[in-house]
Structures are given as structure tokens and as C-alpha cells.
Amino acid sequence: TVNVLPMQTLAIDLDTDNPGQWLAHCHNAYHG
């Protein structure tokens, strides 16, 4: 979980080692 600031561009790297369908979302419950 990472905070992306207003008007910020932020990159993340990951290894795809866990197959399936995975949600990506804002963890503000109301925004999600």
C-alpha cells in the first residue's frame, strides 16, 4: 500500500509470481 500524493507520479515494480485475478484500488473505502 503506497500513498500517491496530489498531482504526483509514482512508479512501483513487482514480480508476477502469484497467478490469478487481483484487485488494485484506493484504500479510501469511499473512493473505492
PDB file of all heavy atoms in Angstrom:
ATOM      1  N   THR A   1       0.868  -1.173   0.000  1.00  0.00           N
ATOM      2  CA  THR A   1       0.000   0.000   0.000  1.00  0.00           C
ATOM      3  C   THR A   1       0.903   1.221   0.000  1.00  0.00           C
ATOM      4  O   THR A   1       1.819   1.312   0.821  1.00  0.00           O
ATOM      5  CB  THR A   1      -0.908   0.026   1.239  1.00  0.00           C
ATOM      6  OG1 THR A   1      -1.590  -1.238   1.364  1.00  0.00           O
ATOM      7  CG2 THR A   1      -1.938   1.145   1.155  1.00  0.00           C
ATOM      8  N   VAL A   2       0.647   2.163  -0.907  1.00  0.00           N
ATOM      9  CA  VAL A   2       1.530   3.325  -1.012  1.00  0.00           C
ATOM     10  C   VAL A   2       0.691   4.576  -1.234  1.00  0.00           C
ATOM     11  O   VAL A   2      -0.280   4.568  -1.998  1.00  0.00           O
ATOM     12  CB  VAL A   2       2.559   3.133  -2.153  1.00  0.00           C
ATOM     13  CG1 VAL A   2       1.883   3.063  -3.515  1.00  0.00           C
ATOM     14  CG2 VAL A   2       3.636   4.202  -2.125  1.00  0.00           C
ATOM     15  N   ASN A   3       1.054   5.658  -0.563  1.00  0.00           N
ATOM     16  CA  ASN A   3       0.342   6.925  -0.700  1.00  0.00           C
ATOM     17  C   ASN A   3       0.840   7.648  -1.955  1.00  0.00           C
ATOM     18  O   ASN A   3       2.015   7.986  -2.061  1.00  0.00           O
ATOM     19  CB  ASN A   3       0.586   7.816   0.523  1.00  0.00           C
ATOM     20  CG  ASN A   3       0.045   7.203   1.790  1.00  0.00           C
ATOM     21  OD1 ASN A   3      -1.011   6.575   1.796  1.00  0.00           O
ATOM     22  ND2 ASN A   3       0.770   7.372   2.892  1.00  0.00           N
ATOM     23  N   VAL A   4      -0.081   7.888  -2.885  1.00  0.00           N
ATOM     24  CA  VAL A   4       0.232   8.657  -4.083  1.00  0.00           C
ATOM     25  C   VAL A   4      -0.312  10.061  -3.858  1.00  0.00           C
ATOM     26  O   VAL A   4      -1.520  10.259  -3.713  1.00  0.00           O
ATOM     27  CB  VAL A   4      -0.381   8.023  -5.338  1.00  0.00           C
ATOM     28  CG1 VAL A   4       0.090   8.765  -6.589  1.00  0.00           C
ATOM     29  CG2 VAL A   4       0.005   6.544  -5.440  1.00  0.00           C
ATOM     30  N   LEU A   5       0.579  11.044  -3.812  1.00  0.00           N
ATOM     31  CA  LEU A   5       0.225  12.397  -3.402  1.00  0.00           C
ATOM     32  C   LEU A   5      -0.504  13.153  -4.511  1.00  0.00           C
ATOM     33  O   LEU A   5      -0.459  12.755  -5.681  1.00  0.00           O
ATOM     34  CB  LEU A   5       1.482  13.151  -2.987  1.00  0.00           C
ATOM     35  CG  LEU A   5       2.313  12.522  -1.870  1.00  0.00           C
ATOM     36  CD1 LEU A   5       3.513  13.388  -1.553  1.00  0.00           C
ATOM     37  CD2 LEU A   5       1.474  12.275  -0.627  1.00  0.00           C
ATOM     38  N   PRO A   6      -1.167  14.261  -4.167  1.00  0.00           N
ATOM     39  CA  PRO A   6      -1.848  15.057  -5.183  1.00  0.00           C
ATOM     40  C   PRO A   6      -0.908  15.463  -6.317  1.00  0.00           C
ATOM     41  O   PRO A   6       0.198  15.951  -6.071  1.00  0.00           O
ATOM     42  CB  PRO A   6      -2.338  16.283  -4.409  1.00  0.00           C
ATOM     43  CG  PRO A   6      -2.453  15.816  -2.997  1.00  0.00           C
ATOM     44  CD  PRO A   6      -1.359  14.818  -2.809  1.00  0.00           C
ATOM     45  N   MET A   7      -1.341  15.216  -7.551  1.00  0.00           N
ATOM     46  CA  MET A   7      -0.604  15.582  -8.766  1.00  0.00           C
ATOM     47  C   MET A   7       0.776  14.915  -8.843  1.00  0.00           C
ATOM     48  O   MET A   7       1.628  15.346  -9.618  1.00  0.00           O
ATOM     49  CB  MET A   7      -0.459  17.107  -8.876  1.00  0.00           C
ATOM     50  CG  MET A   7      -1.783  17.855  -8.812  1.00  0.00           C
ATOM     51  SD  MET A   7      -3.019  17.278 -10.009  1.00  0.00           S
ATOM     52  CE  MET A   7      -2.297  17.805 -11.544  1.00  0.00           C
ATOM     53  N   GLN A   8       0.985  13.852  -8.081  1.00  0.00           N
ATOM     54  CA  GLN A   8       2.265  13.141  -8.090  1.00  0.00           C
ATOM     55  C   GLN A   8       2.230  11.989  -9.079  1.00  0.00           C
ATOM     56  O   GLN A   8       1.186  11.355  -9.293  1.00  0.00           O
ATOM     57  CB  GLN A   8       2.574  12.578  -6.698  1.00  0.00           C
ATOM     58  CG  GLN A   8       3.906  11.810  -6.612  1.00  0.00           C
ATOM     59  CD  GLN A   8       4.075  11.052  -5.301  1.00  0.00           C
ATOM     60  OE1 GLN A   8       3.116  10.480  -4.786  1.00  0.00           O
ATOM     61  NE2 GLN A   8       5.275  11.060  -4.760  1.00  0.00           N
ATOM     62  N   THR A   9       3.385  11.687  -9.680  1.00  0.00           N
ATOM     63  CA  THR A   9       3.575  10.465 -10.445  1.00  0.00           C
ATOM     64  C   THR A   9       4.523   9.572  -9.670  1.00  0.00           C
ATOM     65  O   THR A   9       5.605  10.003  -9.259  1.00  0.00           O
ATOM     66  CB  THR A   9       4.153  10.767 -11.838  1.00  0.00           C
ATOM     67  OG1 THR A   9       3.211  11.542 -12.579  1.00  0.00           O
ATOM     68  CG2 THR A   9       4.430   9.485 -12.605  1.00  0.00           C
ATOM     69  N   LEU A  10       4.107   8.342  -9.438  1.00  0.00           N
ATOM     70  CA  LEU A  10       4.881   7.400  -8.627  1.00  0.00           C
ATOM     71  C   LEU A  10       4.837   6.047  -9.315  1.00  0.00           C
ATOM     72  O   LEU A  10       3.771   5.603  -9.754  1.00  0.00           O
ATOM     73  CB  LEU A  10       4.308   7.320  -7.214  1.00  0.00           C
ATOM     74  CG  LEU A  10       5.016   6.422  -6.193  1.00  0.00           C
ATOM     75  CD1 LEU A  10       4.910   7.035  -4.791  1.00  0.00           C
ATOM     76  CD2 LEU A  10       4.401   5.021  -6.179  1.00  0.00           C
ATOM     77  N   ALA A  11       5.993   5.379  -9.401  1.00  0.00           N
ATOM     78  CA  ALA A  11       6.079   4.078 -10.065  1.00  0.00           C
ATOM     79  C   ALA A  11       6.427   2.992  -9.071  1.00  0.00           C
ATOM     80  O   ALA A  11       7.170   3.220  -8.107  1.00  0.00           O
ATOM     81  CB  ALA A  11       7.116   4.120 -11.187  1.00  0.00           C
ATOM     82  N   ILE A  12       5.895   1.802  -9.320  1.00  0.00           N
ATOM     83  CA  ILE A  12       6.193   0.632  -8.489  1.00  0.00           C
ATOM     84  C   ILE A  12       6.589  -0.520  -9.397  1.00  0.00           C
ATOM     85  O   ILE A  12       6.125  -0.622 -10.532  1.00  0.00           O
ATOM     86  CB  ILE A  12       4.986   0.228  -7.622  1.00  0.00           C
ATOM     87  CG1 ILE A  12       3.770  -0.111  -8.486  1.00  0.00           C
ATOM     88  CG2 ILE A  12       4.643   1.337  -6.625  1.00  0.00           C
ATOM     89  CD1 ILE A  12       2.573  -0.664  -7.714  1.00  0.00           C
ATOM     90  N   ASP A  13       7.489  -1.364  -8.895  1.00  0.00           N
ATOM     91  CA  ASP A  13       7.907  -2.573  -9.608  1.00  0.00           C
ATOM     92  C   ASP A  13       7.457  -3.793  -8.824  1.00  0.00           C
ATOM     93  O   ASP A  13       7.527  -3.814  -7.580  1.00  0.00           O
ATOM     94  CB  ASP A  13       9.426  -2.618  -9.753  1.00  0.00           C
ATOM     95  CG  ASP A  13       9.941  -1.740 -10.883  1.00  0.00           C
ATOM     96  OD1 ASP A  13       9.112  -1.158 -11.608  1.00  0.00           O
ATOM     97  OD2 ASP A  13      11.172  -1.636 -11.034  1.00  0.00           O
ATOM     98  N   LEU A  14       7.019  -4.821  -9.535  1.00  0.00           N
ATOM     99  CA  LEU A  14       6.627  -6.071  -8.886  1.00  0.00           C
ATOM    100  C   LEU A  14       6.964  -7.236  -9.781  1.00  0.00           C
ATOM    101  O   LEU A  14       7.112  -7.089 -11.004  1.00  0.00           O
ATOM    102  CB  LEU A  14       5.131  -6.060  -8.562  1.00  0.00           C
ATOM    103  CG  LEU A  14       4.177  -5.973  -9.756  1.00  0.00           C
ATOM    104  CD1 LEU A  14       3.470  -7.302  -9.985  1.00  0.00           C
ATOM    105  CD2 LEU A  14       3.164  -4.871  -9.566  1.00  0.00           C
ATOM    106  N   ASP A  15       7.098  -8.400  -9.171  1.00  0.00           N
ATOM    107  CA  ASP A  15       7.320  -9.637  -9.910  1.00  0.00           C
ATOM    108  C   ASP A  15       6.015 -10.418  -9.957  1.00  0.00           C
ATOM    109  O   ASP A  15       5.358 -10.618  -8.927  1.00  0.00           O
ATOM    110  CB  ASP A  15       8.408 -10.482  -9.241  1.00  0.00           C
ATOM    111  CG  ASP A  15       9.787  -9.869  -9.388  1.00  0.00           C
ATOM    112  OD1 ASP A  15      10.016  -9.145 -10.376  1.00  0.00           O
ATOM    113  OD2 ASP A  15      10.643 -10.099  -8.505  1.00  0.00           O
ATOM    114  N   THR A  16       5.633 -10.853 -11.145  1.00  0.00           N
ATOM    115  CA  THR A  16       4.375 -11.582 -11.308  1.00  0.00           C
ATOM    116  C   THR A  16       4.611 -13.065 -11.019  1.00  0.00           C
ATOM    117  O   THR A  16       4.872 -13.858 -11.913  1.00  0.00           O
ATOM    118  CB  THR A  16       3.816 -11.379 -12.716  1.00  0.00           C
ATOM    119  OG1 THR A  16       4.828 -11.694 -13.686  1.00  0.00           O
ATOM    120  CG2 THR A  16       3.370  -9.942 -12.917  1.00  0.00           C
ATOM    121  N   ASP A  17       4.513 -13.390  -9.739  1.00  0.00           N
ATOM    122  CA  ASP A  17       4.809 -14.745  -9.278  1.00  0.00           C
ATOM    123  C   ASP A  17       3.648 -15.376  -8.518  1.00  0.00           C
ATOM    124  O   ASP A  17       3.830 -16.366  -7.822  1.00  0.00           O
ATOM    125  CB  ASP A  17       6.059 -14.735  -8.397  1.00  0.00           C
ATOM    126  CG  ASP A  17       5.951 -13.765  -7.232  1.00  0.00           C
ATOM    127  OD1 ASP A  17       4.867 -13.180  -7.029  1.00  0.00           O
ATOM    128  OD2 ASP A  17       6.957 -13.574  -6.514  1.00  0.00           O
ATOM    129  N   ASN A  18       2.439 -14.802  -8.661  1.00  0.00           N
ATOM    130  CA  ASN A  18       1.285 -15.299  -7.911  1.00  0.00           C
ATOM    131  C   ASN A  18       0.047 -15.215  -8.804  1.00  0.00           C
ATOM    132  O   ASN A  18      -0.716 -14.263  -8.734  1.00  0.00           O
ATOM    133  CB  ASN A  18       1.095 -14.473  -6.634  1.00  0.00           C
ATOM    134  CG  ASN A  18       0.198 -15.158  -5.621  1.00  0.00           C
ATOM    135  OD1 ASN A  18      -0.083 -16.357  -5.722  1.00  0.00           O
ATOM    136  ND2 ASN A  18      -0.274 -14.411  -4.644  1.00  0.00           N
ATOM    137  N   PRO A  19      -0.180 -16.219  -9.648  1.00  0.00           N
ATOM    138  CA  PRO A  19      -1.214 -16.108 -10.682  1.00  0.00           C
ATOM    139  C   PRO A  19      -2.626 -15.995 -10.116  1.00  0.00           C
ATOM    140  O   PRO A  19      -2.931 -16.481  -9.026  1.00  0.00           O
ATOM    141  CB  PRO A  19      -1.041 -17.402 -11.487  1.00  0.00           C
ATOM    142  CG  PRO A  19      -0.355 -18.351 -10.565  1.00  0.00           C
ATOM    143  CD  PRO A  19       0.531 -17.504  -9.708  1.00  0.00           C
ATOM    144  N   GLY A  20      -3.464 -15.322 -10.895  1.00  0.00           N
ATOM    145  CA  GLY A  20      -4.860 -15.163 -10.517  1.00  0.00           C
ATOM    146  C   GLY A  20      -5.393 -13.813 -10.937  1.00  0.00           C
ATOM    147  O   GLY A  20      -4.846 -13.157 -11.829  1.00  0.00           O
ATOM    148  N   GLN A  21      -6.472 -13.407 -10.294  1.00  0.00           N
ATOM    149  CA  GLN A  21      -7.118 -12.121 -10.535  1.00  0.00           C
ATOM    150  C   GLN A  21      -6.992 -11.287  -9.262  1.00  0.00           C
ATOM    151  O   GLN A  21      -7.465 -11.712  -8.197  1.00  0.00           O
ATOM    152  CB  GLN A  21      -8.591 -12.332 -10.900  1.00  0.00           C
ATOM    153  CG  GLN A  21      -8.801 -13.215 -12.123  1.00  0.00           C
ATOM    154  CD  GLN A  21      -8.181 -12.621 -13.372  1.00  0.00           C
ATOM    155  OE1 GLN A  21      -8.527 -11.509 -13.763  1.00  0.00           O
ATOM    156  NE2 GLN A  21      -7.274 -13.354 -14.008  1.00  0.00           N
ATOM    157  N   TRP A  22      -6.387 -10.113  -9.354  1.00  0.00           N
ATOM    158  CA  TRP A  22      -6.031  -9.367  -8.152  1.00  0.00           C
ATOM    159  C   TRP A  22      -6.541  -7.931  -8.231  1.00  0.00           C
ATOM    160  O   TRP A  22      -6.236  -7.213  -9.179  1.00  0.00           O
ATOM    161  CB  TRP A  22      -4.514  -9.360  -7.966  1.00  0.00           C
ATOM    162  CG  TRP A  22      -3.943 -10.736  -7.833  1.00  0.00           C
ATOM    163  CD1 TRP A  22      -3.271 -11.448  -8.778  1.00  0.00           C
ATOM    164  CD2 TRP A  22      -4.010 -11.582  -6.675  1.00  0.00           C
ATOM    165  NE1 TRP A  22      -2.899 -12.672  -8.280  1.00  0.00           N
ATOM    166  CE2 TRP A  22      -3.345 -12.785  -6.988  1.00  0.00           C
ATOM    167  CE3 TRP A  22      -4.554 -11.426  -5.400  1.00  0.00           C
ATOM    168  CZ2 TRP A  22      -3.218 -13.839  -6.085  1.00  0.00           C
ATOM    169  CZ3 TRP A  22      -4.427 -12.474  -4.490  1.00  0.00           C
ATOM    170  CH2 TRP A  22      -3.773 -13.654  -4.836  1.00  0.00           C
ATOM    171  N   LEU A  23      -7.269  -7.515  -7.219  1.00  0.00           N
ATOM    172  CA  LEU A  23      -7.794  -6.161  -7.171  1.00  0.00           C
ATOM    173  C   LEU A  23      -6.668  -5.162  -6.922  1.00  0.00           C
ATOM    174  O   LEU A  23      -5.750  -5.411  -6.145  1.00  0.00           O
ATOM    175  CB  LEU A  23      -8.837  -6.052  -6.059  1.00  0.00           C
ATOM    176  CG  LEU A  23      -9.886  -4.937  -6.194  1.00  0.00           C
ATOM    177  CD1 LEU A  23     -10.772  -5.196  -7.397  1.00  0.00           C
ATOM    178  CD2 LEU A  23     -10.722  -4.836  -4.922  1.00  0.00           C
ATOM    179  N   ALA A  24      -6.749  -4.011  -7.587  1.00  0.00           N
ATOM    180  CA  ALA A  24      -5.888  -2.854  -7.321  1.00  0.00           C
ATOM    181  C   ALA A  24      -6.823  -1.678  -7.101  1.00  0.00           C
ATOM    182  O   ALA A  24      -7.698  -1.420  -7.929  1.00  0.00           O
ATOM    183  CB  ALA A  24      -4.948  -2.588  -8.492  1.00  0.00           C
ATOM    184  N   HIS A  25      -6.643  -0.972  -5.977  1.00  0.00           N
ATOM    185  CA  HIS A  25      -7.645   0.044  -5.646  1.00  0.00           C
ATOM    186  C   HIS A  25      -7.129   1.042  -4.635  1.00  0.00           C
ATOM    187  O   HIS A  25      -6.120   0.819  -3.956  1.00  0.00           O
ATOM    188  CB  HIS A  25      -8.909  -0.633  -5.090  1.00  0.00           C
ATOM    189  CG  HIS A  25      -8.709  -1.341  -3.785  1.00  0.00           C
ATOM    190  ND1 HIS A  25      -9.095  -0.810  -2.578  1.00  0.00           N
ATOM    191  CD2 HIS A  25      -8.163  -2.550  -3.485  1.00  0.00           C
ATOM    192  CE1 HIS A  25      -8.810  -1.662  -1.604  1.00  0.00           C
ATOM    193  NE2 HIS A  25      -8.235  -2.721  -2.126  1.00  0.00           N
ATOM    194  N   CYS A  26      -7.848   2.152  -4.530  1.00  0.00           N
ATOM    195  CA  CYS A  26      -7.603   3.114  -3.466  1.00  0.00           C
ATOM    196  C   CYS A  26      -8.173   2.565  -2.178  1.00  0.00           C
ATOM    197  O   CYS A  26      -9.323   2.099  -2.139  1.00  0.00           O
ATOM    198  CB  CYS A  26      -8.250   4.450  -3.818  1.00  0.00           C
ATOM    199  SG  CYS A  26      -8.099   5.695  -2.505  1.00  0.00           S
ATOM    200  N   HIS A  27      -7.384   2.641  -1.083  1.00  0.00           N
ATOM    201  CA  HIS A  27      -7.853   2.088   0.185  1.00  0.00           C
ATOM    202  C   HIS A  27      -8.630   3.100   1.023  1.00  0.00           C
ATOM    203  O   HIS A  27      -8.934   2.841   2.181  1.00  0.00           O
ATOM    204  CB  HIS A  27      -6.709   1.489   1.001  1.00  0.00           C
ATOM    205  CG  HIS A  27      -7.112   0.215   1.685  1.00  0.00           C
ATOM    206  ND1 HIS A  27      -7.724   0.187   2.916  1.00  0.00           N
ATOM    207  CD2 HIS A  27      -7.039  -1.067   1.276  1.00  0.00           C
ATOM    208  CE1 HIS A  27      -7.980  -1.060   3.261  1.00  0.00           C
ATOM    209  NE2 HIS A  27      -7.581  -1.844   2.271  1.00  0.00           N
ATOM    210  N   ASN A  28      -8.958   4.257   0.439  1.00  0.00           N
ATOM    211  CA  ASN A  28     -10.051   5.046   0.995  1.00  0.00           C
ATOM    212  C   ASN A  28     -11.318   4.287   0.631  1.00  0.00           C
ATOM    213  O   ASN A  28     -11.648   4.131  -0.557  1.00  0.00           O
ATOM    214  CB  ASN A  28     -10.062   6.448   0.383  1.00  0.00           C
ATOM    215  CG  ASN A  28     -11.150   7.328   0.956  1.00  0.00           C
ATOM    216  OD1 ASN A  28     -12.310   6.945   1.021  1.00  0.00           O
ATOM    217  ND2 ASN A  28     -10.778   8.538   1.349  1.00  0.00           N
ATOM    218  N   ALA A  29     -12.038   3.754   1.630  1.00  0.00           N
ATOM    219  CA  ALA A  29     -13.161   2.861   1.362  1.00  0.00           C
ATOM    220  C   ALA A  29     -14.201   3.504   0.461  1.00  0.00           C
ATOM    221  O   ALA A  29     -14.817   2.827  -0.379  1.00  0.00           O
ATOM    222  CB  ALA A  29     -13.797   2.428   2.684  1.00  0.00           C
ATOM    223  N   TYR A  30     -14.402   4.812   0.617  1.00  0.00           N
ATOM    224  CA  TYR A  30     -15.434   5.502  -0.148  1.00  0.00           C
ATOM    225  C   TYR A  30     -14.989   5.760  -1.582  1.00  0.00           C
ATOM    226  O   TYR A  30     -15.785   5.655  -2.520  1.00  0.00           O
ATOM    227  CB  TYR A  30     -15.842   6.782   0.580  1.00  0.00           C
ATOM    228  CG  TYR A  30     -16.440   6.441   1.922  1.00  0.00           C
ATOM    229  CD1 TYR A  30     -15.665   6.451   3.080  1.00  0.00           C
ATOM    230  CD2 TYR A  30     -17.758   6.036   2.029  1.00  0.00           C
ATOM    231  CE1 TYR A  30     -16.196   6.079   4.306  1.00  0.00           C
ATOM    232  CE2 TYR A  30     -18.304   5.671   3.248  1.00  0.00           C
ATOM    233  CZ  TYR A  30     -17.511   5.685   4.385  1.00  0.00           C
ATOM    234  OH  TYR A  30     -18.051   5.298   5.589  1.00  0.00           O
ATOM    235  N   HIS A  31     -13.718   6.066  -1.783  1.00  0.00           N
ATOM    236  CA  HIS A  31     -13.215   6.221  -3.139  1.00  0.00           C
ATOM    237  C   HIS A  31     -13.295   4.889  -3.895  1.00  0.00           C
ATOM    238  O   HIS A  31     -13.666   4.854  -5.079  1.00  0.00           O
ATOM    239  CB  HIS A  31     -11.770   6.703  -3.126  1.00  0.00           C
ATOM    240  CG  HIS A  31     -11.611   8.094  -2.608  1.00  0.00           C
ATOM    241  ND1 HIS A  31     -10.372   8.709  -2.506  1.00  0.00           N
ATOM    242  CD2 HIS A  31     -12.506   9.005  -2.157  1.00  0.00           C
ATOM    243  CE1 HIS A  31     -10.533   9.922  -2.017  1.00  0.00           C
ATOM    244  NE2 HIS A  31     -11.820  10.124  -1.799  1.00  0.00           N
ATOM    245  N   GLY A  32     -12.932   3.805  -3.219  1.00  0.00           N
ATOM    246  CA  GLY A  32     -13.008   2.501  -3.868  1.00  0.00           C
ATOM    247  C   GLY A  32     -14.423   2.154  -4.286  1.00  0.00           C
ATOM    248  O   GLY A  32     -14.675   1.734  -5.421  1.00  0.00           O
TER     249      GLY A  32
END
